[in-house]
N, C-alpha and C. Protein backbone atom coordinates (compact mmCIF):
# COMPACT_ATOMS: atom_id res chain seq x y z
N MET A 1 -15.60 -16.87 9.44
CA MET A 1 -14.96 -16.42 8.21
C MET A 1 -15.67 -15.21 7.63
N ASN A 2 -17.02 -15.18 7.70
CA ASN A 2 -17.76 -14.04 7.15
C ASN A 2 -17.42 -12.76 7.90
N ARG A 3 -17.22 -12.87 9.22
CA ARG A 3 -16.84 -11.70 10.01
C ARG A 3 -15.48 -11.18 9.56
N ASN A 4 -14.57 -12.09 9.27
CA ASN A 4 -13.25 -11.71 8.79
C ASN A 4 -13.34 -11.00 7.44
N ILE A 5 -14.17 -11.50 6.55
CA ILE A 5 -14.33 -10.89 5.23
C ILE A 5 -14.96 -9.51 5.37
N LEU A 6 -15.95 -9.38 6.24
CA LEU A 6 -16.58 -8.08 6.46
C LEU A 6 -15.59 -7.08 7.07
N GLY A 7 -14.75 -7.55 7.98
CA GLY A 7 -13.74 -6.67 8.57
C GLY A 7 -12.73 -6.20 7.53
N ILE A 8 -12.29 -7.11 6.68
CA ILE A 8 -11.35 -6.74 5.62
C ILE A 8 -12.00 -5.76 4.66
N ALA A 9 -13.25 -6.03 4.28
CA ALA A 9 -13.97 -5.13 3.36
C ALA A 9 -14.14 -3.74 3.96
N PHE A 10 -14.44 -3.70 5.26
CA PHE A 10 -14.57 -2.41 5.94
C PHE A 10 -13.28 -1.61 5.84
N TRP A 11 -12.15 -2.24 6.13
CA TRP A 11 -10.87 -1.53 6.10
C TRP A 11 -10.47 -1.13 4.69
N VAL A 12 -10.76 -1.96 3.71
CA VAL A 12 -10.44 -1.61 2.32
C VAL A 12 -11.22 -0.36 1.92
N VAL A 13 -12.51 -0.35 2.21
CA VAL A 13 -13.35 0.81 1.87
C VAL A 13 -12.88 2.05 2.64
N LEU A 14 -12.56 1.87 3.92
CA LEU A 14 -12.08 3.00 4.72
C LEU A 14 -10.78 3.58 4.17
N TYR A 15 -9.83 2.71 3.83
CA TYR A 15 -8.57 3.19 3.24
C TYR A 15 -8.82 3.97 1.96
N LEU A 16 -9.70 3.47 1.11
CA LEU A 16 -9.97 4.15 -0.16
C LEU A 16 -10.67 5.50 0.06
N LEU A 17 -11.63 5.53 0.96
CA LEU A 17 -12.33 6.78 1.22
C LEU A 17 -11.42 7.81 1.88
N LEU A 18 -10.59 7.36 2.82
CA LEU A 18 -9.62 8.28 3.43
C LEU A 18 -8.66 8.83 2.39
N GLN A 19 -8.25 7.97 1.45
CA GLN A 19 -7.31 8.40 0.42
C GLN A 19 -7.89 9.50 -0.45
N VAL A 20 -9.09 9.28 -0.97
CA VAL A 20 -9.62 10.23 -1.95
C VAL A 20 -10.24 11.48 -1.32
N PHE A 21 -10.70 11.38 -0.08
CA PHE A 21 -11.36 12.53 0.52
C PHE A 21 -10.51 13.27 1.56
N PHE A 22 -9.47 12.65 2.06
CA PHE A 22 -8.67 13.30 3.09
C PHE A 22 -7.19 13.41 2.70
N PHE A 23 -6.56 12.28 2.42
CA PHE A 23 -5.12 12.28 2.17
C PHE A 23 -4.76 12.80 0.78
N ARG A 24 -5.73 12.98 -0.07
CA ARG A 24 -5.45 13.54 -1.39
C ARG A 24 -4.85 14.94 -1.28
N SER A 25 -5.29 15.68 -0.28
CA SER A 25 -4.81 17.05 -0.12
C SER A 25 -3.73 17.18 0.96
N MET A 26 -3.30 16.07 1.51
CA MET A 26 -2.27 16.08 2.57
C MET A 26 -0.88 15.93 1.94
N ILE A 27 -0.39 16.97 1.33
CA ILE A 27 0.90 16.96 0.66
C ILE A 27 1.86 17.82 1.48
N LEU A 28 3.01 17.26 1.80
CA LEU A 28 4.00 17.98 2.60
C LEU A 28 5.08 18.57 1.70
N PHE A 29 5.26 19.86 1.77
CA PHE A 29 6.34 20.58 1.08
C PHE A 29 6.38 20.32 -0.43
N ASP A 30 5.25 20.05 -1.03
CA ASP A 30 5.12 19.79 -2.47
C ASP A 30 5.93 18.58 -2.95
N HIS A 31 6.40 17.73 -2.04
CA HIS A 31 7.19 16.57 -2.42
C HIS A 31 6.73 15.27 -1.79
N ALA A 32 6.10 15.32 -0.65
CA ALA A 32 5.70 14.10 0.06
C ALA A 32 4.20 13.89 -0.07
N PHE A 33 3.84 12.82 -0.75
CA PHE A 33 2.45 12.47 -0.97
C PHE A 33 2.14 11.22 -0.15
N CYS A 34 0.96 11.18 0.43
CA CYS A 34 0.58 10.04 1.26
C CYS A 34 -0.42 9.17 0.50
N PHE A 35 -0.03 7.95 0.20
CA PHE A 35 -0.91 7.01 -0.49
C PHE A 35 -1.21 5.84 0.44
N ILE A 36 -2.22 6.02 1.30
CA ILE A 36 -2.55 4.97 2.25
C ILE A 36 -3.39 3.87 1.62
N TYR A 37 -3.94 4.11 0.45
CA TYR A 37 -4.81 3.10 -0.16
C TYR A 37 -4.04 1.81 -0.46
N ILE A 38 -2.71 1.86 -0.53
CA ILE A 38 -1.96 0.62 -0.78
C ILE A 38 -2.08 -0.34 0.40
N ALA A 39 -2.47 0.19 1.57
CA ALA A 39 -2.67 -0.67 2.74
C ALA A 39 -3.82 -1.65 2.51
N SER A 40 -4.73 -1.33 1.60
CA SER A 40 -5.83 -2.26 1.31
C SER A 40 -5.30 -3.55 0.71
N VAL A 41 -4.21 -3.49 0.00
CA VAL A 41 -3.58 -4.68 -0.57
C VAL A 41 -2.62 -5.31 0.44
N LEU A 42 -1.89 -4.47 1.14
CA LEU A 42 -0.88 -4.97 2.07
C LEU A 42 -1.47 -5.70 3.27
N SER A 43 -2.66 -5.33 3.69
CA SER A 43 -3.23 -5.90 4.91
C SER A 43 -4.07 -7.15 4.68
N LEU A 44 -4.09 -7.66 3.47
CA LEU A 44 -4.85 -8.89 3.21
C LEU A 44 -4.16 -10.07 3.88
N PRO A 45 -4.94 -11.06 4.31
CA PRO A 45 -4.34 -12.26 4.92
C PRO A 45 -3.35 -12.94 3.97
N PHE A 46 -2.39 -13.65 4.57
CA PHE A 46 -1.35 -14.31 3.78
C PHE A 46 -1.91 -15.35 2.82
N ASP A 47 -3.01 -15.99 3.19
CA ASP A 47 -3.55 -17.07 2.38
C ASP A 47 -4.57 -16.60 1.34
N THR A 48 -4.69 -15.29 1.13
CA THR A 48 -5.59 -14.77 0.11
C THR A 48 -5.09 -15.20 -1.27
N PRO A 49 -5.96 -15.80 -2.09
CA PRO A 49 -5.53 -16.21 -3.43
C PRO A 49 -4.99 -15.02 -4.24
N LYS A 50 -3.93 -15.28 -4.98
CA LYS A 50 -3.25 -14.21 -5.73
C LYS A 50 -4.20 -13.52 -6.71
N THR A 51 -5.12 -14.26 -7.28
CA THR A 51 -6.08 -13.67 -8.21
C THR A 51 -6.93 -12.61 -7.52
N TRP A 52 -7.36 -12.90 -6.30
CA TRP A 52 -8.18 -11.94 -5.55
C TRP A 52 -7.36 -10.72 -5.15
N VAL A 53 -6.10 -10.93 -4.80
CA VAL A 53 -5.23 -9.81 -4.44
C VAL A 53 -5.03 -8.90 -5.65
N LEU A 54 -4.78 -9.49 -6.82
CA LEU A 54 -4.59 -8.70 -8.03
C LEU A 54 -5.86 -7.96 -8.42
N LEU A 55 -7.00 -8.62 -8.28
CA LEU A 55 -8.28 -7.99 -8.61
C LEU A 55 -8.57 -6.82 -7.67
N LEU A 56 -8.36 -7.03 -6.38
CA LEU A 56 -8.57 -5.95 -5.41
C LEU A 56 -7.61 -4.79 -5.68
N ALA A 57 -6.38 -5.12 -6.03
CA ALA A 57 -5.40 -4.07 -6.33
C ALA A 57 -5.84 -3.25 -7.53
N PHE A 58 -6.33 -3.92 -8.56
CA PHE A 58 -6.79 -3.20 -9.75
C PHE A 58 -7.98 -2.30 -9.42
N VAL A 59 -8.95 -2.84 -8.70
CA VAL A 59 -10.15 -2.06 -8.36
C VAL A 59 -9.77 -0.87 -7.47
N SER A 60 -8.89 -1.09 -6.49
CA SER A 60 -8.46 0.00 -5.62
C SER A 60 -7.74 1.08 -6.41
N GLY A 61 -6.80 0.67 -7.24
CA GLY A 61 -6.06 1.63 -8.05
C GLY A 61 -6.96 2.37 -9.03
N PHE A 62 -7.91 1.67 -9.63
CA PHE A 62 -8.84 2.29 -10.57
C PHE A 62 -9.72 3.32 -9.85
N PHE A 63 -10.15 2.99 -8.63
CA PHE A 63 -10.95 3.91 -7.83
C PHE A 63 -10.17 5.19 -7.56
N VAL A 64 -8.92 5.06 -7.17
CA VAL A 64 -8.08 6.23 -6.91
C VAL A 64 -7.83 6.99 -8.21
N ASP A 65 -7.59 6.27 -9.30
CA ASP A 65 -7.40 6.93 -10.60
C ASP A 65 -8.60 7.79 -10.99
N PHE A 66 -9.79 7.30 -10.69
CA PHE A 66 -11.00 8.04 -11.02
C PHE A 66 -11.02 9.40 -10.34
N PHE A 67 -10.63 9.45 -9.07
CA PHE A 67 -10.66 10.71 -8.33
C PHE A 67 -9.42 11.58 -8.59
N TYR A 68 -8.31 10.96 -8.92
CA TYR A 68 -7.08 11.72 -9.19
C TYR A 68 -6.94 12.08 -10.66
N ASN A 69 -7.79 11.52 -11.51
CA ASN A 69 -7.76 11.76 -12.96
C ASN A 69 -6.39 11.40 -13.55
N THR A 70 -5.92 10.18 -13.23
CA THR A 70 -4.58 9.76 -13.66
C THR A 70 -4.58 8.64 -14.70
N LEU A 71 -5.71 8.29 -15.23
CA LEU A 71 -5.81 7.37 -16.38
C LEU A 71 -5.06 6.04 -16.21
N GLY A 72 -5.23 5.37 -15.10
CA GLY A 72 -4.68 4.04 -14.93
C GLY A 72 -3.32 3.96 -14.26
N LEU A 73 -2.74 5.08 -13.92
CA LEU A 73 -1.42 5.09 -13.31
C LEU A 73 -1.44 4.39 -11.96
N HIS A 74 -2.38 4.72 -11.11
CA HIS A 74 -2.46 4.09 -9.79
C HIS A 74 -2.87 2.62 -9.91
N ALA A 75 -3.73 2.31 -10.85
CA ALA A 75 -4.14 0.91 -11.05
C ALA A 75 -2.93 0.06 -11.44
N ALA A 76 -2.12 0.55 -12.35
CA ALA A 76 -0.94 -0.20 -12.78
C ALA A 76 0.05 -0.39 -11.64
N CYS A 77 0.29 0.65 -10.89
CA CYS A 77 1.27 0.57 -9.79
C CYS A 77 0.76 -0.31 -8.66
N THR A 78 -0.53 -0.29 -8.39
CA THR A 78 -1.08 -1.13 -7.33
C THR A 78 -1.11 -2.59 -7.75
N VAL A 79 -1.38 -2.86 -9.01
CA VAL A 79 -1.31 -4.24 -9.50
C VAL A 79 0.13 -4.74 -9.44
N PHE A 80 1.09 -3.89 -9.77
CA PHE A 80 2.50 -4.27 -9.63
C PHE A 80 2.83 -4.60 -8.18
N LEU A 81 2.32 -3.78 -7.26
CA LEU A 81 2.54 -4.03 -5.84
C LEU A 81 1.94 -5.37 -5.42
N ALA A 82 0.74 -5.66 -5.90
CA ALA A 82 0.09 -6.95 -5.57
C ALA A 82 0.89 -8.11 -6.15
N PHE A 83 1.46 -7.91 -7.32
CA PHE A 83 2.29 -8.94 -7.93
C PHE A 83 3.58 -9.15 -7.14
N ALA A 84 4.14 -8.08 -6.59
CA ALA A 84 5.40 -8.16 -5.83
C ALA A 84 5.19 -8.58 -4.38
N ARG A 85 3.96 -8.53 -3.89
CA ARG A 85 3.66 -8.82 -2.49
C ARG A 85 4.18 -10.18 -2.02
N PRO A 86 3.98 -11.27 -2.76
CA PRO A 86 4.53 -12.56 -2.29
C PRO A 86 6.05 -12.55 -2.15
N GLY A 87 6.74 -11.85 -3.02
CA GLY A 87 8.19 -11.74 -2.92
C GLY A 87 8.61 -10.97 -1.67
N ILE A 88 7.88 -9.91 -1.36
CA ILE A 88 8.18 -9.14 -0.16
C ILE A 88 7.93 -10.00 1.07
N LEU A 89 6.84 -10.75 1.06
CA LEU A 89 6.54 -11.62 2.19
C LEU A 89 7.60 -12.71 2.36
N ARG A 90 8.08 -13.26 1.24
CA ARG A 90 9.15 -14.26 1.32
C ARG A 90 10.43 -13.65 1.88
N LEU A 91 10.72 -12.43 1.48
CA LEU A 91 11.91 -11.73 1.97
C LEU A 91 11.87 -11.52 3.48
N LEU A 92 10.69 -11.29 4.01
CA LEU A 92 10.54 -10.99 5.43
C LEU A 92 10.04 -12.18 6.26
N THR A 93 10.05 -13.36 5.69
CA THR A 93 9.54 -14.54 6.39
C THR A 93 10.32 -14.79 7.68
N PRO A 94 9.60 -14.89 8.80
CA PRO A 94 10.29 -15.20 10.05
C PRO A 94 10.79 -16.65 10.06
N ALA A 95 11.67 -16.97 10.98
CA ALA A 95 12.28 -18.31 11.03
C ALA A 95 11.23 -19.40 11.19
N ARG A 96 10.17 -19.13 11.92
CA ARG A 96 9.15 -20.15 12.14
C ARG A 96 8.10 -20.17 11.03
N GLY A 97 8.21 -19.27 10.07
CA GLY A 97 7.27 -19.19 8.96
C GLY A 97 6.00 -18.45 9.36
N TYR A 98 5.08 -18.36 8.42
CA TYR A 98 3.81 -17.69 8.67
C TYR A 98 2.75 -18.75 8.94
N GLU A 99 1.81 -18.42 9.81
CA GLU A 99 0.65 -19.27 9.97
C GLU A 99 -0.30 -18.93 8.83
N GLU A 100 -1.09 -19.91 8.41
CA GLU A 100 -1.91 -19.74 7.22
C GLU A 100 -2.89 -18.58 7.32
N ARG A 101 -3.53 -18.40 8.45
CA ARG A 101 -4.57 -17.39 8.56
C ARG A 101 -4.07 -16.07 9.12
N ASN A 102 -2.79 -15.92 9.27
CA ASN A 102 -2.24 -14.67 9.78
C ASN A 102 -2.46 -13.53 8.81
N GLU A 103 -2.55 -12.36 9.37
CA GLU A 103 -2.64 -11.14 8.58
C GLU A 103 -1.42 -10.28 8.90
N PRO A 104 -0.94 -9.53 7.96
CA PRO A 104 0.23 -8.67 8.22
C PRO A 104 -0.17 -7.39 8.95
N THR A 105 -0.69 -7.53 10.17
CA THR A 105 -1.11 -6.39 10.96
C THR A 105 -0.29 -6.33 12.24
N LEU A 106 -0.36 -5.22 12.94
CA LEU A 106 0.36 -5.06 14.20
C LEU A 106 -0.12 -6.04 15.26
N GLU A 107 -1.38 -6.40 15.19
CA GLU A 107 -1.94 -7.32 16.18
C GLU A 107 -1.30 -8.71 16.06
N VAL A 108 -0.95 -9.12 14.86
CA VAL A 108 -0.42 -10.46 14.61
C VAL A 108 1.11 -10.45 14.54
N MET A 109 1.67 -9.51 13.81
CA MET A 109 3.11 -9.42 13.63
C MET A 109 3.65 -8.31 14.55
N ASN A 110 4.94 -8.24 14.71
CA ASN A 110 5.49 -7.18 15.57
C ASN A 110 5.65 -5.86 14.80
N LEU A 111 5.89 -4.79 15.52
CA LEU A 111 5.98 -3.46 14.93
C LEU A 111 7.10 -3.35 13.91
N TRP A 112 8.28 -3.87 14.21
CA TRP A 112 9.42 -3.79 13.31
C TRP A 112 9.12 -4.50 11.99
N TRP A 113 8.45 -5.66 12.05
CA TRP A 113 8.11 -6.40 10.84
C TRP A 113 7.14 -5.59 9.99
N VAL A 114 6.12 -4.98 10.61
CA VAL A 114 5.13 -4.20 9.87
C VAL A 114 5.78 -2.97 9.24
N ILE A 115 6.69 -2.33 9.95
CA ILE A 115 7.37 -1.16 9.39
C ILE A 115 8.20 -1.56 8.16
N ARG A 116 8.97 -2.63 8.28
CA ARG A 116 9.79 -3.06 7.13
C ARG A 116 8.91 -3.46 5.95
N TYR A 117 7.86 -4.22 6.20
CA TYR A 117 6.93 -4.67 5.15
C TYR A 117 6.29 -3.48 4.44
N THR A 118 5.79 -2.54 5.21
CA THR A 118 5.13 -1.37 4.64
C THR A 118 6.13 -0.49 3.89
N PHE A 119 7.33 -0.32 4.45
CA PHE A 119 8.34 0.51 3.81
C PHE A 119 8.76 -0.06 2.46
N ILE A 120 9.06 -1.35 2.41
CA ILE A 120 9.48 -1.98 1.15
C ILE A 120 8.38 -1.89 0.10
N ALA A 121 7.15 -2.18 0.52
CA ALA A 121 6.03 -2.13 -0.42
C ALA A 121 5.78 -0.71 -0.92
N ALA A 122 5.80 0.25 0.00
CA ALA A 122 5.59 1.65 -0.40
C ALA A 122 6.72 2.13 -1.32
N LEU A 123 7.94 1.71 -1.04
CA LEU A 123 9.07 2.10 -1.88
C LEU A 123 8.89 1.58 -3.31
N LEU A 124 8.50 0.33 -3.45
CA LEU A 124 8.26 -0.23 -4.79
C LEU A 124 7.13 0.50 -5.50
N HIS A 125 6.02 0.69 -4.80
CA HIS A 125 4.86 1.35 -5.39
C HIS A 125 5.20 2.78 -5.81
N HIS A 126 5.80 3.54 -4.91
CA HIS A 126 6.09 4.94 -5.18
C HIS A 126 7.18 5.11 -6.24
N ALA A 127 8.15 4.22 -6.26
CA ALA A 127 9.19 4.30 -7.29
C ALA A 127 8.58 4.15 -8.68
N LEU A 128 7.70 3.17 -8.82
CA LEU A 128 7.05 2.99 -10.13
C LEU A 128 6.11 4.15 -10.43
N LEU A 129 5.34 4.57 -9.45
CA LEU A 129 4.36 5.63 -9.66
C LEU A 129 5.02 6.94 -10.11
N PHE A 130 6.01 7.39 -9.38
CA PHE A 130 6.63 8.67 -9.71
C PHE A 130 7.54 8.58 -10.93
N SER A 131 8.11 7.39 -11.19
CA SER A 131 8.92 7.21 -12.40
C SER A 131 8.03 7.27 -13.64
N LEU A 132 6.88 6.62 -13.58
CA LEU A 132 5.95 6.69 -14.71
C LEU A 132 5.35 8.08 -14.86
N GLU A 133 5.18 8.76 -13.75
CA GLU A 133 4.63 10.11 -13.81
C GLU A 133 5.58 11.08 -14.49
N SER A 134 6.86 10.98 -14.20
CA SER A 134 7.81 11.95 -14.77
C SER A 134 8.28 11.53 -16.16
N LEU A 135 8.62 10.27 -16.34
CA LEU A 135 9.09 9.74 -17.63
C LEU A 135 10.19 10.60 -18.26
N SER A 136 11.10 11.08 -17.44
CA SER A 136 12.18 11.89 -17.96
C SER A 136 13.39 11.78 -17.03
N LEU A 137 14.55 11.58 -17.61
CA LEU A 137 15.76 11.56 -16.80
C LEU A 137 16.17 12.96 -16.35
N ALA A 138 15.65 13.97 -17.00
CA ALA A 138 15.94 15.34 -16.60
C ALA A 138 15.32 15.66 -15.25
N LEU A 139 14.30 14.91 -14.89
CA LEU A 139 13.60 15.13 -13.61
C LEU A 139 14.00 14.10 -12.56
N ILE A 140 15.19 13.52 -12.68
CA ILE A 140 15.60 12.44 -11.78
C ILE A 140 15.70 12.91 -10.33
N ALA A 141 16.26 14.07 -10.07
CA ALA A 141 16.41 14.54 -8.69
C ALA A 141 15.05 14.80 -8.02
N PRO A 142 14.15 15.56 -8.66
CA PRO A 142 12.83 15.76 -8.01
C PRO A 142 12.05 14.45 -7.87
N THR A 143 12.23 13.55 -8.82
CA THR A 143 11.54 12.26 -8.74
C THR A 143 12.06 11.44 -7.57
N LEU A 144 13.37 11.40 -7.38
CA LEU A 144 13.94 10.67 -6.25
C LEU A 144 13.51 11.28 -4.91
N ILE A 145 13.44 12.59 -4.86
CA ILE A 145 12.99 13.26 -3.63
C ILE A 145 11.54 12.87 -3.34
N LYS A 146 10.69 12.88 -4.37
CA LYS A 146 9.29 12.49 -4.19
C LYS A 146 9.17 11.04 -3.73
N ILE A 147 9.97 10.16 -4.33
CA ILE A 147 9.92 8.74 -3.98
C ILE A 147 10.30 8.55 -2.51
N ILE A 148 11.40 9.13 -2.11
CA ILE A 148 11.90 8.94 -0.74
C ILE A 148 10.97 9.60 0.28
N ALA A 149 10.59 10.84 0.04
CA ALA A 149 9.72 11.55 0.99
C ALA A 149 8.35 10.89 1.10
N SER A 150 7.79 10.50 -0.02
CA SER A 150 6.47 9.88 -0.02
C SER A 150 6.50 8.49 0.61
N THR A 151 7.59 7.77 0.43
CA THR A 151 7.71 6.44 1.04
C THR A 151 7.72 6.56 2.56
N PHE A 152 8.51 7.48 3.08
CA PHE A 152 8.54 7.66 4.54
C PHE A 152 7.19 8.16 5.06
N TYR A 153 6.59 9.09 4.37
CA TYR A 153 5.31 9.66 4.78
C TYR A 153 4.21 8.60 4.77
N SER A 154 4.10 7.86 3.67
CA SER A 154 3.07 6.83 3.57
C SER A 154 3.29 5.73 4.60
N THR A 155 4.54 5.31 4.79
CA THR A 155 4.84 4.27 5.77
C THR A 155 4.43 4.73 7.17
N LEU A 156 4.78 5.94 7.52
CA LEU A 156 4.44 6.46 8.85
C LEU A 156 2.93 6.47 9.07
N VAL A 157 2.18 6.98 8.11
CA VAL A 157 0.73 7.08 8.27
C VAL A 157 0.08 5.69 8.29
N ILE A 158 0.52 4.78 7.44
CA ILE A 158 -0.06 3.44 7.41
C ILE A 158 0.22 2.72 8.72
N VAL A 159 1.42 2.83 9.26
CA VAL A 159 1.74 2.18 10.54
C VAL A 159 0.92 2.80 11.67
N ILE A 160 0.76 4.11 11.66
CA ILE A 160 -0.08 4.76 12.68
C ILE A 160 -1.52 4.26 12.58
N LEU A 161 -2.04 4.15 11.37
CA LEU A 161 -3.40 3.64 11.19
C LEU A 161 -3.53 2.19 11.65
N GLN A 162 -2.44 1.43 11.60
CA GLN A 162 -2.47 0.05 12.06
C GLN A 162 -2.77 -0.02 13.56
N PHE A 163 -2.40 0.99 14.31
CA PHE A 163 -2.69 1.00 15.74
C PHE A 163 -4.19 1.09 16.01
N PHE A 164 -4.94 1.69 15.09
CA PHE A 164 -6.38 1.81 15.23
C PHE A 164 -7.13 0.59 14.71
N ARG A 165 -6.43 -0.23 13.97
CA ARG A 165 -7.07 -1.39 13.36
C ARG A 165 -7.03 -2.58 14.32
N GLY A 166 -8.03 -2.98 14.84
CA GLY A 166 -8.09 -4.18 15.68
C GLY A 166 -8.95 -5.21 15.01
N ASN A 167 -8.95 -6.40 15.50
CA ASN A 167 -9.83 -7.40 14.89
C ASN A 167 -11.03 -7.64 15.73
């Protein structure tokens, strides 16, 4: 179990460091932003207590807020994502159900399941993030473009990073 916790901690720290030092400047066409740090919440085992998931989400979001100077915006959106995570998992539950110690990774689940899981989660996170960022109906078109482009971009990068993640 300690090895599993250390592996999870390693990936959480790696996702956060990659986000603030590398993917922060990886913006495509001024509309697509890559937020891979949400993978730190998404890749937690299914049996992780909800309190720990919410706490990790807050700390991850707060860490990103510190470097992005966004005053709690990422923390709020990541906590919302952690709160919505059980619903997303219920939506995607396979017919045989989940095993208790399974993790939502490519090694355990299939590629199509991971893509759908990551896409839905990224869509929820990015919709809230960019909606709170703009706070104006006059900016609805650019906001929708940012949401859609960033969701596809983040999903693609997170799924690619899953290929490098082994246990």
